[in-house]
Amino acid sequence: MNILVSKKAIMITVVCAAMVFAQTFAQKEQHKEEKPQNLKVLPKDISEEDLHT
């Protein structure tokens, strides 16, 4: 009985870790594809780093 509970706990942990990894990867991909909009008040020579901070 104890081994069965341990296997379930390991499976739940693996599934949760996979979901966190997938979500993190999806956010990074989405951030790369976004193009800034409505930048009329910012200088035209602003760096990419300054724009995202």
PDB file of N, CA and C in Angstrom:
ATOM      1  N   MET A   1       0.835  -1.200   0.000  1.00  0.00           N
ATOM      2  CA  MET A   1       0.000   0.000   0.000  1.00  0.00           C
ATOM      3  C   MET A   1       0.874   1.255   0.000  1.00  0.00           C
ATOM      4  N   ASN A   2       1.950   1.215   0.755  1.00  0.00           N
ATOM      5  CA  ASN A   2       2.841   2.362   0.860  1.00  0.00           C
ATOM      6  C   ASN A   2       3.534   2.658  -0.468  1.00  0.00           C
ATOM      7  N   ILE A   3       3.880   1.626  -1.227  1.00  0.00           N
ATOM      8  CA  ILE A   3       4.537   1.793  -2.522  1.00  0.00           C
ATOM      9  C   ILE A   3       3.573   2.422  -3.516  1.00  0.00           C
ATOM     10  N   LEU A   4       2.299   2.051  -3.441  1.00  0.00           N
ATOM     11  CA  LEU A   4       1.288   2.598  -4.338  1.00  0.00           C
ATOM     12  C   LEU A   4       1.123   4.103  -4.115  1.00  0.00           C
ATOM     13  N   VAL A   5       1.114   4.517  -2.871  1.00  0.00           N
ATOM     14  CA  VAL A   5       1.003   5.944  -2.546  1.00  0.00           C
ATOM     15  C   VAL A   5       2.238   6.687  -3.035  1.00  0.00           C
ATOM     16  N   SER A   6       3.406   6.086  -2.888  1.00  0.00           N
ATOM     17  CA  SER A   6       4.645   6.704  -3.329  1.00  0.00           C
ATOM     18  C   SER A   6       4.663   6.872  -4.847  1.00  0.00           C
ATOM     19  N   LYS A   7       4.200   5.869  -5.582  1.00  0.00           N
ATOM     20  CA  LYS A   7       4.151   5.961  -7.039  1.00  0.00           C
ATOM     21  C   LYS A   7       3.184   7.058  -7.496  1.00  0.00           C
ATOM     22  N   LYS A   8       2.064   7.182  -6.813  1.00  0.00           N
ATOM     23  CA  LYS A   8       1.097   8.232  -7.150  1.00  0.00           C
ATOM     24  C   LYS A   8       1.704   9.612  -6.898  1.00  0.00           C
ATOM     25  N   ALA A   9       2.408   9.755  -5.801  1.00  0.00           N
ATOM     26  CA  ALA A   9       3.026  11.045  -5.474  1.00  0.00           C
ATOM     27  C   ALA A   9       4.088  11.413  -6.511  1.00  0.00           C
ATOM     28  N   ILE A  10       4.864  10.433  -6.947  1.00  0.00           N
ATOM     29  CA  ILE A  10       5.888  10.688  -7.970  1.00  0.00           C
ATOM     30  C   ILE A  10       5.229  11.086  -9.280  1.00  0.00           C
ATOM     31  N   MET A  11       4.170  10.409  -9.678  1.00  0.00           N
ATOM     32  CA  MET A  11       3.474  10.730 -10.929  1.00  0.00           C
ATOM     33  C   MET A  11       2.867  12.126 -10.883  1.00  0.00           C
ATOM     34  N   ILE A  12       2.268  12.486  -9.772  1.00  0.00           N
ATOM     35  CA  ILE A  12       1.688  13.822  -9.627  1.00  0.00           C
ATOM     36  C   ILE A  12       2.778  14.885  -9.723  1.00  0.00           C
ATOM     37  N   THR A  13       3.912  14.630  -9.095  1.00  0.00           N
ATOM     38  CA  THR A  13       5.035  15.566  -9.147  1.00  0.00           C
ATOM     39  C   THR A  13       5.559  15.718 -10.567  1.00  0.00           C
ATOM     40  N   VAL A  14       5.690  14.629 -11.289  1.00  0.00           N
ATOM     41  CA  VAL A  14       6.188  14.675 -12.672  1.00  0.00           C
ATOM     42  C   VAL A  14       5.212  15.438 -13.569  1.00  0.00           C
ATOM     43  N   VAL A  15       3.926  15.190 -13.419  1.00  0.00           N
ATOM     44  CA  VAL A  15       2.923  15.883 -14.230  1.00  0.00           C
ATOM     45  C   VAL A  15       2.931  17.382 -13.928  1.00  0.00           C
ATOM     46  N   CYS A  16       3.014  17.748 -12.670  1.00  0.00           N
ATOM     47  CA  CYS A  16       3.057  19.172 -12.304  1.00  0.00           C
ATOM     48  C   CYS A  16       4.312  19.848 -12.847  1.00  0.00           C
ATOM     49  N   ALA A  17       5.442  19.175 -12.755  1.00  0.00           N
ATOM     50  CA  ALA A  17       6.682  19.740 -13.281  1.00  0.00           C
ATOM     51  C   ALA A  17       6.593  19.932 -14.793  1.00  0.00           C
ATOM     52  N   ALA A  18       5.991  18.982 -15.489  1.00  0.00           N
ATOM     53  CA  ALA A  18       5.834  19.102 -16.940  1.00  0.00           C
ATOM     54  C   ALA A  18       4.930  20.281 -17.295  1.00  0.00           C
ATOM     55  N   MET A  19       3.889  20.488 -16.523  1.00  0.00           N
ATOM     56  CA  MET A  19       2.988  21.618 -16.780  1.00  0.00           C
ATOM     57  C   MET A  19       3.697  22.943 -16.553  1.00  0.00           C
ATOM     58  N   VAL A  20       4.483  23.037 -15.495  1.00  0.00           N
ATOM     59  CA  VAL A  20       5.224  24.267 -15.221  1.00  0.00           C
ATOM     60  C   VAL A  20       6.232  24.538 -16.334  1.00  0.00           C
ATOM     61  N   PHE A  21       6.934  23.516 -16.777  1.00  0.00           N
ATOM     62  CA  PHE A  21       7.904  23.662 -17.859  1.00  0.00           C
ATOM     63  C   PHE A  21       7.212  24.123 -19.137  1.00  0.00           C
ATOM     64  N   ALA A  22       6.095  23.520 -19.469  1.00  0.00           N
ATOM     65  CA  ALA A  22       5.373  23.878 -20.691  1.00  0.00           C
ATOM     66  C   ALA A  22       4.881  25.319 -20.629  1.00  0.00           C
ATOM     67  N   GLN A  23       4.377  25.741 -19.493  1.00  0.00           N
ATOM     68  CA  GLN A  23       3.878  27.107 -19.342  1.00  0.00           C
ATOM     69  C   GLN A  23       5.018  28.117 -19.471  1.00  0.00           C
ATOM     70  N   THR A  24       6.152  27.828 -18.875  1.00  0.00           N
ATOM     71  CA  THR A  24       7.303  28.718 -18.956  1.00  0.00           C
ATOM     72  C   THR A  24       7.787  28.847 -20.393  1.00  0.00           C
ATOM     73  N   PHE A  25       7.860  27.726 -21.109  1.00  0.00           N
ATOM     74  CA  PHE A  25       8.290  27.736 -22.496  1.00  0.00           C
ATOM     75  C   PHE A  25       7.307  28.523 -23.362  1.00  0.00           C
ATOM     76  N   ALA A  26       6.023  28.360 -23.122  1.00  0.00           N
ATOM     77  CA  ALA A  26       5.001  29.068 -23.903  1.00  0.00           C
ATOM     78  C   ALA A  26       5.091  30.573 -23.673  1.00  0.00           C
ATOM     79  N   GLN A  27       5.347  31.004 -22.451  1.00  0.00           N
ATOM     80  CA  GLN A  27       5.456  32.434 -22.162  1.00  0.00           C
ATOM     81  C   GLN A  27       6.669  33.037 -22.848  1.00  0.00           C
ATOM     82  N   LYS A  28       7.788  32.333 -22.882  1.00  0.00           N
ATOM     83  CA  LYS A  28       8.979  32.854 -23.548  1.00  0.00           C
ATOM     84  C   LYS A  28       8.743  32.994 -25.042  1.00  0.00           C
ATOM     85  N   GLU A  29       8.088  32.023 -25.649  1.00  0.00           N
ATOM     86  CA  GLU A  29       7.811  32.074 -27.085  1.00  0.00           C
ATOM     87  C   GLU A  29       6.850  33.214 -27.396  1.00  0.00           C
ATOM     88  N   GLN A  30       5.857  33.405 -26.567  1.00  0.00           N
ATOM     89  CA  GLN A  30       4.876  34.463 -26.800  1.00  0.00           C
ATOM     90  C   GLN A  30       5.551  35.829 -26.674  1.00  0.00           C
ATOM     91  N   HIS A  31       6.445  35.981 -25.725  1.00  0.00           N
ATOM     92  CA  HIS A  31       7.113  37.258 -25.501  1.00  0.00           C
ATOM     93  C   HIS A  31       7.994  37.622 -26.692  1.00  0.00           C
ATOM     94  N   LYS A  32       8.622  36.654 -27.324  1.00  0.00           N
ATOM     95  CA  LYS A  32       9.487  36.913 -28.467  1.00  0.00           C
ATOM     96  C   LYS A  32       8.699  37.384 -29.674  1.00  0.00           C
ATOM     97  N   GLU A  33       7.477  36.912 -29.842  1.00  0.00           N
ATOM     98  CA  GLU A  33       6.682  37.223 -31.013  1.00  0.00           C
ATOM     99  C   GLU A  33       5.923  38.542 -30.883  1.00  0.00           C
ATOM    100  N   GLU A  34       5.772  39.048 -29.679  1.00  0.00           N
ATOM    101  CA  GLU A  34       5.030  40.293 -29.480  1.00  0.00           C
ATOM    102  C   GLU A  34       5.790  41.467 -30.076  1.00  0.00           C
ATOM    103  N   LYS A  35       5.065  42.322 -30.754  1.00  0.00           N
ATOM    104  CA  LYS A  35       5.654  43.555 -31.254  1.00  0.00           C
ATOM    105  C   LYS A  35       5.045  44.704 -30.459  1.00  0.00           C
ATOM    106  N   PRO A  36       5.868  45.616 -30.009  1.00  0.00           N
ATOM    107  CA  PRO A  36       5.342  46.741 -29.238  1.00  0.00           C
ATOM    108  C   PRO A  36       4.370  47.575 -30.071  1.00  0.00           C
ATOM    109  N   GLN A  37       3.346  48.079 -29.396  1.00  0.00           N
ATOM    110  CA  GLN A  37       2.347  48.909 -30.055  1.00  0.00           C
ATOM    111  C   GLN A  37       2.168  50.204 -29.277  1.00  0.00           C
ATOM    112  N   ASN A  38       1.672  51.223 -29.947  1.00  0.00           N
ATOM    113  CA  ASN A  38       1.336  52.502 -29.333  1.00  0.00           C
ATOM    114  C   ASN A  38       2.565  53.132 -28.669  1.00  0.00           C
ATOM    115  N   LEU A  39       3.616  53.346 -29.435  1.00  0.00           N
ATOM    116  CA  LEU A  39       4.871  53.864 -28.908  1.00  0.00           C
ATOM    117  C   LEU A  39       5.091  55.339 -29.262  1.00  0.00           C
ATOM    118  N   LYS A  40       4.053  56.067 -29.492  1.00  0.00           N
ATOM    119  CA  LYS A  40       4.178  57.455 -29.941  1.00  0.00           C
ATOM    120  C   LYS A  40       4.890  58.346 -28.917  1.00  0.00           C
ATOM    121  N   VAL A  41       4.807  58.038 -27.636  1.00  0.00           N
ATOM    122  CA  VAL A  41       5.399  58.900 -26.616  1.00  0.00           C
ATOM    123  C   VAL A  41       6.840  58.533 -26.293  1.00  0.00           C
ATOM    124  N   LEU A  42       7.345  57.444 -26.852  1.00  0.00           N
ATOM    125  CA  LEU A  42       8.712  57.014 -26.579  1.00  0.00           C
ATOM    126  C   LEU A  42       9.645  57.492 -27.694  1.00  0.00           C
ATOM    127  N   PRO A  43      10.910  57.704 -27.347  1.00  0.00           N
ATOM    128  CA  PRO A  43      11.859  58.101 -28.399  1.00  0.00           C
ATOM    129  C   PRO A  43      12.052  56.983 -29.414  1.00  0.00           C
ATOM    130  N   LYS A  44      12.328  57.350 -30.657  1.00  0.00           N
ATOM    131  CA  LYS A  44      12.475  56.355 -31.722  1.00  0.00           C
ATOM    132  C   LYS A  44      13.741  55.521 -31.573  1.00  0.00           C
ATOM    133  N   ASP A  45      14.741  56.016 -30.869  1.00  0.00           N
ATOM    134  CA  ASP A  45      15.994  55.283 -30.732  1.00  0.00           C
ATOM    135  C   ASP A  45      16.101  54.528 -29.397  1.00  0.00           C
ATOM    136  N   ILE A  46      14.982  54.191 -28.776  1.00  0.00           N
ATOM    137  CA  ILE A  46      14.987  53.469 -27.506  1.00  0.00           C
ATOM    138  C   ILE A  46      15.463  52.036 -27.750  1.00  0.00           C
ATOM    139  N   SER A  47      16.266  51.526 -26.827  1.00  0.00           N
ATOM    140  CA  SER A  47      16.800  50.167 -26.986  1.00  0.00           C
ATOM    141  C   SER A  47      15.728  49.145 -26.595  1.00  0.00           C
ATOM    142  N   GLU A  48      15.896  47.922 -27.079  1.00  0.00           N
ATOM    143  CA  GLU A  48      14.958  46.846 -26.770  1.00  0.00           C
ATOM    144  C   GLU A  48      14.922  46.576 -25.262  1.00  0.00           C
ATOM    145  N   GLU A  49      16.078  46.658 -24.627  1.00  0.00           N
ATOM    146  CA  GLU A  49      16.171  46.422 -23.181  1.00  0.00           C
ATOM    147  C   GLU A  49      15.402  47.489 -22.395  1.00  0.00           C
ATOM    148  N   ASP A  50      15.569  48.754 -22.769  1.00  0.00           N
ATOM    149  CA  ASP A  50      14.866  49.836 -22.087  1.00  0.00           C
ATOM    150  C   ASP A  50      13.352  49.755 -22.321  1.00  0.00           C
ATOM    151  N   LEU A  51      12.965  49.268 -23.456  1.00  0.00           N
ATOM    152  CA  LEU A  51      11.562  49.170 -23.799  1.00  0.00           C
ATOM    153  C   LEU A  51      10.851  48.153 -22.921  1.00  0.00           C
ATOM    154  N   HIS A  52      11.518  47.070 -22.574  1.00  0.00           N
ATOM    155  CA  HIS A  52      10.871  46.007 -21.799  1.00  0.00           C
ATOM    156  C   HIS A  52      11.060  46.157 -20.294  1.00  0.00           C
ATOM    157  N   THR A  53      11.740  47.173 -19.833  1.00  0.00           N
ATOM    158  CA  THR A  53      11.887  47.344 -18.375  1.00  0.00           C
ATOM    159  C   THR A  53      10.948  48.358 -17.838  1.00  0.00           C
TER     160      THR A  53
END
